[in-house]
């Protein structure tokens, strides 16, 4: 759960100064991929993986993407609408996606951002070692020494 059990307001978890596009969704593994390709400024590709996706609301592209925690009310609303069993609440995240070009949310089990030097159009070589630059799990939000939603409790670039 990303929202704080103490009803704290939404928190910025990570900011990307890049444009991401919805690249793919795999139904069999409930995996959503947003991709930011190389351009004249960036020398690497970033893949934003949402694993164990239960529900989502998306736009096709996100300019200057930000990931935010949601408050308790939004967290509960998404769970109610998605039909995910209440017993799974502590094993899932609800993350708000905000950008200049639109907003959305993803309800999932984990988020991983990895960097690639190639810029192929395919999903990438899943057997390759990931250059993980940021990740988030529900347990990371309740890590000792960091309050829920505290970005310093998560792996950063």
Protein backbone atom coordinates (compact mmCIF):
# COMPACT_ATOMS: atom_id res chain seq x y z
CA UNK A 1 0.00 0.00 0.00
CA UNK A 2 1.45 3.36 -0.96
CA UNK A 3 -0.83 5.61 1.01
CA UNK A 4 0.21 6.26 4.57
CA UNK A 5 -1.77 4.52 7.30
CA UNK A 6 -1.86 7.92 9.01
CA UNK A 7 -3.78 9.63 6.21
CA UNK A 8 -0.83 11.74 5.00
CA UNK A 9 -1.28 13.60 1.69
CA UNK A 10 -0.01 12.27 -1.64
CA UNK A 11 3.78 12.12 -1.88
CA UNK A 12 6.10 12.45 -4.85
CA UNK A 13 7.90 9.13 -5.13
CA UNK A 14 9.99 9.74 -8.25
CA UNK A 15 10.28 12.32 -11.02
CA UNK A 16 11.54 11.62 -14.53
CA UNK A 17 12.40 14.55 -16.80
CA UNK A 18 11.54 12.36 -19.77
CA UNK A 19 8.60 11.33 -21.92
CA UNK A 20 7.27 7.78 -21.46
CA UNK A 21 4.87 5.96 -23.75
CA UNK A 22 2.69 2.97 -23.01
CA UNK A 23 4.75 0.27 -24.68
CA UNK A 24 2.96 -2.95 -23.83
CA UNK A 25 0.81 -4.99 -21.51
CA UNK A 26 1.10 -8.73 -21.03
CA UNK A 27 -2.12 -10.28 -19.81
CA UNK A 28 -0.55 -13.63 -18.85
CA UNK A 29 1.88 -12.05 -16.38
CA UNK A 30 -0.09 -8.84 -15.70
CA UNK A 31 2.95 -6.78 -16.71
CA UNK A 32 2.71 -3.16 -17.92
CA UNK A 33 5.66 -1.49 -19.65
CA UNK A 34 6.11 2.26 -20.14
CA UNK A 35 9.19 3.20 -22.17
CA UNK A 36 11.27 6.34 -22.61
CA UNK A 37 13.46 6.00 -25.69
CA UNK A 38 16.79 7.59 -26.44
CA UNK A 39 16.58 11.03 -27.96
CA UNK A 40 18.95 13.90 -28.75
CA UNK A 41 19.40 14.59 -25.02
CA UNK A 42 19.15 11.17 -23.34
CA UNK A 43 21.79 8.55 -24.15
CA UNK A 44 19.89 5.57 -22.71
CA UNK A 45 16.45 4.05 -22.75
CA UNK A 46 14.42 3.75 -19.53
CA UNK A 47 11.84 1.00 -19.05
CA UNK A 48 9.25 1.43 -16.32
CA UNK A 49 7.86 -2.00 -15.38
CA UNK A 50 4.68 -2.45 -13.34
CA UNK A 51 4.45 -6.06 -12.19
CA UNK A 52 1.36 -7.96 -10.99
CA UNK A 53 -0.98 -5.27 -12.35
CA UNK A 54 -4.54 -5.52 -11.02
CA UNK A 55 -6.02 -2.35 -12.49
CA UNK A 56 -4.92 0.75 -14.38
CA UNK A 57 -6.13 3.93 -15.99
CA UNK A 58 -3.71 5.34 -18.55
CA UNK A 59 -3.12 7.87 -21.29
CA UNK A 60 -0.85 6.95 -24.22
CA UNK A 61 2.09 9.15 -23.22
CA UNK A 62 3.46 10.98 -20.20
CA UNK A 63 5.68 14.06 -20.68
CA UNK A 64 7.90 14.73 -17.63
CA UNK A 65 6.40 11.80 -15.75
CA UNK A 66 6.03 11.88 -11.97
CA UNK A 67 5.00 8.94 -9.76
CA UNK A 68 2.98 9.87 -6.68
CA UNK A 69 1.63 7.99 -3.70
CA UNK A 70 -2.13 8.27 -3.25
CA UNK A 71 -4.08 9.19 -0.16
CA UNK A 72 -6.13 6.65 1.80
CA UNK A 73 -9.40 7.64 0.11
CA UNK A 74 -8.05 7.11 -3.41
CA UNK A 75 -6.30 3.89 -2.36
CA UNK A 76 -9.60 2.52 -1.01
CA UNK A 77 -11.57 3.70 -4.06
CA UNK A 78 -9.20 1.95 -6.49
CA UNK A 79 -9.37 -1.27 -4.46
CA UNK A 80 -13.15 -1.16 -4.32
CA UNK A 81 -13.48 -0.56 -8.06
CA UNK A 82 -10.88 -3.19 -9.04
CA UNK A 83 -12.43 -6.05 -7.08
CA UNK A 84 -9.06 -7.12 -5.65
CA UNK A 85 -9.62 -9.17 -2.46
CA UNK A 86 -9.14 -7.11 0.74
CA UNK A 87 -6.52 -9.60 1.98
CA UNK A 88 -4.18 -8.43 -0.80
CA UNK A 89 -4.10 -4.78 0.29
CA UNK A 90 -0.68 -5.03 1.96
CA UNK A 91 0.83 -6.71 -1.11
CA UNK A 92 -0.19 -4.04 -3.62
CA UNK A 93 0.63 -0.43 -4.51
CA UNK A 94 -1.57 2.24 -6.02
CA UNK A 95 0.56 4.83 -7.80
CA UNK A 96 -0.70 8.04 -9.41
CA UNK A 97 0.97 8.94 -12.73
CA UNK A 98 1.11 12.69 -13.40
CA UNK A 99 2.55 14.59 -16.32
CA UNK A 100 2.05 17.59 -18.58
CA UNK A 101 0.22 15.36 -21.06
CA UNK A 102 -2.13 13.47 -18.75
CA UNK A 103 -2.68 11.50 -15.57
CA UNK A 104 -3.53 7.97 -14.60
CA UNK A 105 -2.93 5.30 -11.98
CA UNK A 106 -1.63 1.75 -11.68
CA UNK A 107 -2.50 -0.79 -8.98
CA UNK A 108 0.30 -3.37 -8.88
CA UNK A 109 2.63 -5.50 -6.80
CA UNK A 110 5.95 -3.88 -7.72
CA UNK A 111 7.58 -1.18 -9.84
CA UNK A 112 11.04 -1.45 -11.40
CA UNK A 113 12.82 1.11 -13.59
CA UNK A 114 15.80 -0.08 -15.55
CA UNK A 115 18.21 1.55 -17.98
CA UNK A 116 19.32 0.12 -21.33
CA UNK A 117 21.99 1.32 -23.74
CA UNK A 118 20.21 -0.22 -26.72
CA UNK A 119 17.02 1.31 -28.03
CA UNK A 120 15.32 -1.65 -29.69
CA UNK A 121 11.59 -1.71 -30.28
CA UNK A 122 11.05 -5.12 -28.69
CA UNK A 123 10.46 -5.89 -25.04
CA UNK A 124 14.19 -6.38 -24.52
CA UNK A 125 16.20 -9.40 -23.57
CA UNK A 126 14.52 -10.61 -20.39
CA UNK A 127 17.53 -12.82 -19.65
CA UNK A 128 19.88 -9.82 -19.58
CA UNK A 129 20.96 -8.41 -16.23
CA UNK A 130 18.90 -5.35 -15.38
CA UNK A 131 20.57 -2.01 -14.66
CA UNK A 132 17.94 -1.11 -12.07
CA UNK A 133 17.86 2.60 -11.27
CA UNK A 134 14.76 2.67 -9.04
CA UNK A 135 12.29 0.20 -7.59
CA UNK A 136 9.36 0.13 -5.20
CA UNK A 137 7.51 -2.61 -3.34
CA UNK A 138 4.80 -2.28 -0.70
CA UNK A 139 7.28 -3.42 1.97
CA UNK A 140 9.66 -0.60 0.99
CA UNK A 141 7.09 1.92 2.11
CA UNK A 142 7.15 0.51 5.62
CA UNK A 143 10.91 0.15 5.86
CA UNK A 144 12.48 0.87 9.26
CA UNK A 145 13.77 4.40 9.48
CA UNK A 146 11.49 5.77 6.77
CA UNK A 147 7.82 6.71 6.97
CA UNK A 148 5.33 5.35 4.46
CA UNK A 149 5.68 7.10 1.14
CA UNK A 150 9.16 8.44 1.96
CA UNK A 151 11.15 8.32 -1.30
CA UNK A 152 14.42 7.98 0.65
CA UNK A 153 13.27 4.51 1.72
CA UNK A 154 13.42 3.30 -1.90
CA UNK A 155 16.27 2.45 -4.21
CA UNK A 156 17.30 5.51 -6.15
CA UNK A 157 19.55 6.20 -9.13
